[in-house]
C-alpha atoms as a PDB file:
ATOM      1  CA  MET A   1      -2.262 -20.939   7.461  1.00  0.00           C
ATOM      2  CA  SER A   2       1.197 -19.600   8.609  1.00  0.00           C
ATOM      3  CA  SER A   3       1.346 -17.179   5.533  1.00  0.00           C
ATOM      4  CA  MET A   4      -2.001 -15.848   6.679  1.00  0.00           C
ATOM      5  CA  LEU A   5      -0.689 -15.166  10.212  1.00  0.00           C
ATOM      6  CA  ARG A   6       2.381 -13.150   8.932  1.00  0.00           C
ATOM      7  CA  LYS A   7       2.640  -9.842  10.476  1.00  0.00           C
ATOM      8  CA  LYS A   8       1.428  -7.030   8.243  1.00  0.00           C
ATOM      9  CA  ASP A   9       3.004  -3.538   8.360  1.00  0.00           C
ATOM     10  CA  TRP A  10       0.040  -1.556   8.779  1.00  0.00           C
ATOM     11  CA  SER A  11       2.088   1.550   9.212  1.00  0.00           C
ATOM     12  CA  ALA A  12       3.278   1.219   5.541  1.00  0.00           C
ATOM     13  CA  THR A  13      -0.341   1.051   4.412  1.00  0.00           C
ATOM     14  CA  PRO A  14      -2.469   4.153   4.672  1.00  0.00           C
ATOM     15  CA  ARG A  15      -5.698   3.213   6.303  1.00  0.00           C
ATOM     16  CA  SER A  16      -8.940   5.043   5.955  1.00  0.00           C
ATOM     17  CA  ALA A  17     -12.609   4.452   6.940  1.00  0.00           C
ATOM     18  CA  MET A  18     -14.388   2.328   4.460  1.00  0.00           C
ATOM     19  CA  SER A  19     -17.535   3.716   2.699  1.00  0.00           C
ATOM     20  CA  ALA A  20     -21.056   2.018   3.438  1.00  0.00           C
ATOM     21  CA  SER A  21     -20.835   0.168   0.079  1.00  0.00           C
ATOM     22  CA  GLY A  22     -17.248  -0.993   0.959  1.00  0.00           C
ATOM     23  CA  ILE A  23     -18.344  -2.351   4.381  1.00  0.00           C
ATOM     24  CA  VAL A  24     -21.334  -4.153   2.856  1.00  0.00           C
ATOM     25  CA  ALA A  25     -18.957  -5.753   0.274  1.00  0.00           C
ATOM     26  CA  GLY A  26     -16.484  -6.760   3.129  1.00  0.00           C
ATOM     27  CA  LEU A  27     -19.304  -8.186   5.136  1.00  0.00           C
ATOM     28  CA  ALA A  28     -20.227 -10.478   2.194  1.00  0.00           C
ATOM     29  CA  GLN A  29     -16.621 -11.842   2.375  1.00  0.00           C
ATOM     30  CA  VAL A  30     -16.707 -12.871   6.130  1.00  0.00           C
ATOM     31  CA  ASP A  31     -19.423 -15.294   7.197  1.00  0.00           C
ATOM     32  CA  GLY A  32     -21.399 -14.572  10.365  1.00  0.00           C
ATOM     33  CA  TRP A  33     -20.084 -11.004  10.923  1.00  0.00           C
ATOM     34  CA  LYS A  34     -22.585  -8.244  11.393  1.00  0.00           C
ATOM     35  CA  LEU A  35     -22.338  -4.449  11.547  1.00  0.00           C
ATOM     36  CA  THR A  36     -22.806  -2.872  14.955  1.00  0.00           C
ATOM     37  CA  GLY A  37     -22.960   0.507  16.573  1.00  0.00           C
ATOM     38  CA  ASP A  38     -22.900   3.887  14.695  1.00  0.00           C
ATOM     39  CA  GLY A  39     -20.684   6.988  14.314  1.00  0.00           C
ATOM     40  CA  ASP A  40     -17.128   6.628  15.866  1.00  0.00           C
ATOM     41  CA  SER A  41     -18.363   3.191  17.701  1.00  0.00           C
ATOM     42  CA  VAL A  42     -19.277   1.481  14.336  1.00  0.00           C
ATOM     43  CA  ALA A  43     -17.843  -1.998  14.344  1.00  0.00           C
ATOM     44  CA  ILE A  44     -17.943  -5.576  12.807  1.00  0.00           C
ATOM     45  CA  GLU A  45     -18.684  -8.117  15.337  1.00  0.00           C
ATOM     46  CA  LYS A  46     -19.394 -11.991  15.390  1.00  0.00           C
ATOM     47  CA  ALA A  47     -20.278 -14.355  18.315  1.00  0.00           C
ATOM     48  CA  TYR A  48     -18.321 -17.696  18.503  1.00  0.00           C
ATOM     49  CA  THR A  49     -19.934 -20.505  20.670  1.00  0.00           C
ATOM     50  CA  PHE A  50     -18.071 -23.191  22.320  1.00  0.00           C
ATOM     51  CA  ALA A  51     -18.663 -26.443  24.354  1.00  0.00           C
ATOM     52  CA  ASN A  52     -17.205 -25.166  27.617  1.00  0.00           C
ATOM     53  CA  TYR A  53     -15.112 -22.401  29.205  1.00  0.00           C
ATOM     54  CA  TYR A  54     -11.760 -24.162  28.398  1.00  0.00           C
ATOM     55  CA  GLU A  55     -12.649 -24.041  24.772  1.00  0.00           C
ATOM     56  CA  THR A  56     -13.729 -20.395  25.108  1.00  0.00           C
ATOM     57  CA  ILE A  57     -10.465 -19.381  26.849  1.00  0.00           C
ATOM     58  CA  SER A  58      -8.315 -21.307  24.334  1.00  0.00           C
ATOM     59  CA  PHE A  59     -10.044 -19.405  21.452  1.00  0.00           C
ATOM     60  CA  VAL A  60      -9.534 -16.149  23.213  1.00  0.00           C
ATOM     61  CA  ASN A  61      -5.749 -16.802  23.595  1.00  0.00           C
ATOM     62  CA  CYS A  62      -5.472 -17.661  19.732  1.00  0.00           C
ATOM     63  CA  VAL A  63      -7.264 -14.363  19.056  1.00  0.00           C
ATOM     64  CA  ALA A  64      -4.779 -12.585  21.328  1.00  0.00           C
ATOM     65  CA  PHE A  65      -1.847 -14.122  19.324  1.00  0.00           C
ATOM     66  CA  ILE A  66      -3.359 -12.891  16.147  1.00  0.00           C
ATOM     67  CA  ALA A  67      -4.224  -9.514  17.513  1.00  0.00           C
ATOM     68  CA  ASN A  68      -0.650  -9.022  18.795  1.00  0.00           C
ATOM     69  CA  ALA A  69       0.985 -10.278  15.585  1.00  0.00           C
ATOM     70  CA  GLN A  70      -1.275  -7.733  13.470  1.00  0.00           C
ATOM     71  CA  ASP A  71      -1.038  -4.947  16.135  1.00  0.00           C
ATOM     72  CA  HIS A  72      -4.895  -4.506  15.747  1.00  0.00           C
ATOM     73  CA  HIS A  73      -6.688  -5.502  18.830  1.00  0.00           C
ATOM     74  CA  PRO A  74     -10.472  -6.233  19.073  1.00  0.00           C
ATOM     75  CA  ASP A  75     -12.900  -5.756  21.906  1.00  0.00           C
ATOM     76  CA  LEU A  76     -13.560  -9.079  23.247  1.00  0.00           C
ATOM     77  CA  SER A  77     -16.713 -10.189  25.449  1.00  0.00           C
ATOM     78  CA  VAL A  78     -15.942 -13.507  27.111  1.00  0.00           C
ATOM     79  CA  HIS A  79     -18.593 -15.790  28.632  1.00  0.00           C
ATOM     80  CA  TYR A  80     -18.623 -19.339  29.701  1.00  0.00           C
ATOM     81  CA  ASN A  81     -19.330 -21.006  26.408  1.00  0.00           C
ATOM     82  CA  ARG A  82     -19.182 -17.926  24.055  1.00  0.00           C
ATOM     83  CA  CYS A  83     -16.973 -15.043  23.071  1.00  0.00           C
ATOM     84  CA  VAL A  84     -17.973 -11.934  21.103  1.00  0.00           C
ATOM     85  CA  VAL A  85     -15.125 -10.463  18.998  1.00  0.00           C
ATOM     86  CA  ARG A  86     -15.707  -6.818  17.877  1.00  0.00           C
ATOM     87  CA  PHE A  87     -13.392  -4.854  15.532  1.00  0.00           C
ATOM     88  CA  ASN A  88     -13.086  -1.295  14.409  1.00  0.00           C
ATOM     89  CA  THR A  89     -10.200   1.069  13.722  1.00  0.00           C
ATOM     90  CA  HIS A  90      -9.935   3.576  16.148  1.00  0.00           C
ATOM     91  CA  ASP A  91      -7.449   5.982  14.340  1.00  0.00           C
ATOM     92  CA  VAL A  92      -9.841   6.368  11.296  1.00  0.00           C
ATOM     93  CA  LYS A  93     -13.091   6.457  13.607  1.00  0.00           C
ATOM     94  CA  GLY A  94     -14.782   3.664  11.498  1.00  0.00           C
ATOM     95  CA  ILE A  95     -14.079   0.370   9.796  1.00  0.00           C
ATOM     96  CA  SER A  96     -11.063  -0.266   7.759  1.00  0.00           C
ATOM     97  CA  LEU A  97      -9.717  -3.108   5.648  1.00  0.00           C
ATOM     98  CA  THR A  98      -7.576  -4.126   8.622  1.00  0.00           C
ATOM     99  CA  ASP A  99     -10.733  -4.986  10.460  1.00  0.00           C
ATOM    100  CA  PHE A 100     -11.876  -7.348   7.708  1.00  0.00           C
ATOM    101  CA  ASP A 101      -8.407  -8.909   7.374  1.00  0.00           C
ATOM    102  CA  CYS A 102      -8.195  -9.718  11.054  1.00  0.00           C
ATOM    103  CA  ALA A 103     -11.862 -10.958  10.985  1.00  0.00           C
ATOM    104  CA  ALA A 104     -10.916 -13.364   8.386  1.00  0.00           C
ATOM    105  CA  GLN A 105      -7.705 -14.655  10.204  1.00  0.00           C
ATOM    106  CA  ILE A 106      -9.860 -15.361  13.390  1.00  0.00           C
ATOM    107  CA  ASP A 107     -12.387 -17.294  11.336  1.00  0.00           C
ATOM    108  CA  ALA A 108      -9.506 -19.312   9.804  1.00  0.00           C
ATOM    109  CA  LEU A 109      -8.842 -20.684  13.466  1.00  0.00           C
ATOM    110  CA  LEU A 110     -12.017 -22.652  13.400  1.00  0.00           C
ATOM    111  CA  SER A 111     -12.212 -23.623   9.596  1.00  0.00           C
END
């Protein structure tokens, strides 16, 4: 897993908004993620459920570590036993491969 968490240099990779078919293909690769929003607010999101607040906050801290390492930060909705993670790429006003890469890294936390 350590190689999965290596910082990627997203500035060296030109990002662009994915096509609708590309997004559908990406969603097929990440379990439980769904498409939400529209226009500039389109995103992929997933809700994670935990036994208690401590586990939820531990997960949030791990997500923060990944987000910081990748310099790609999701919107988080944190509740007592649940956290909703929402990714989109603001600079392309849509969803990019970066969103799916980070989603897969977050899923790897719990696998």
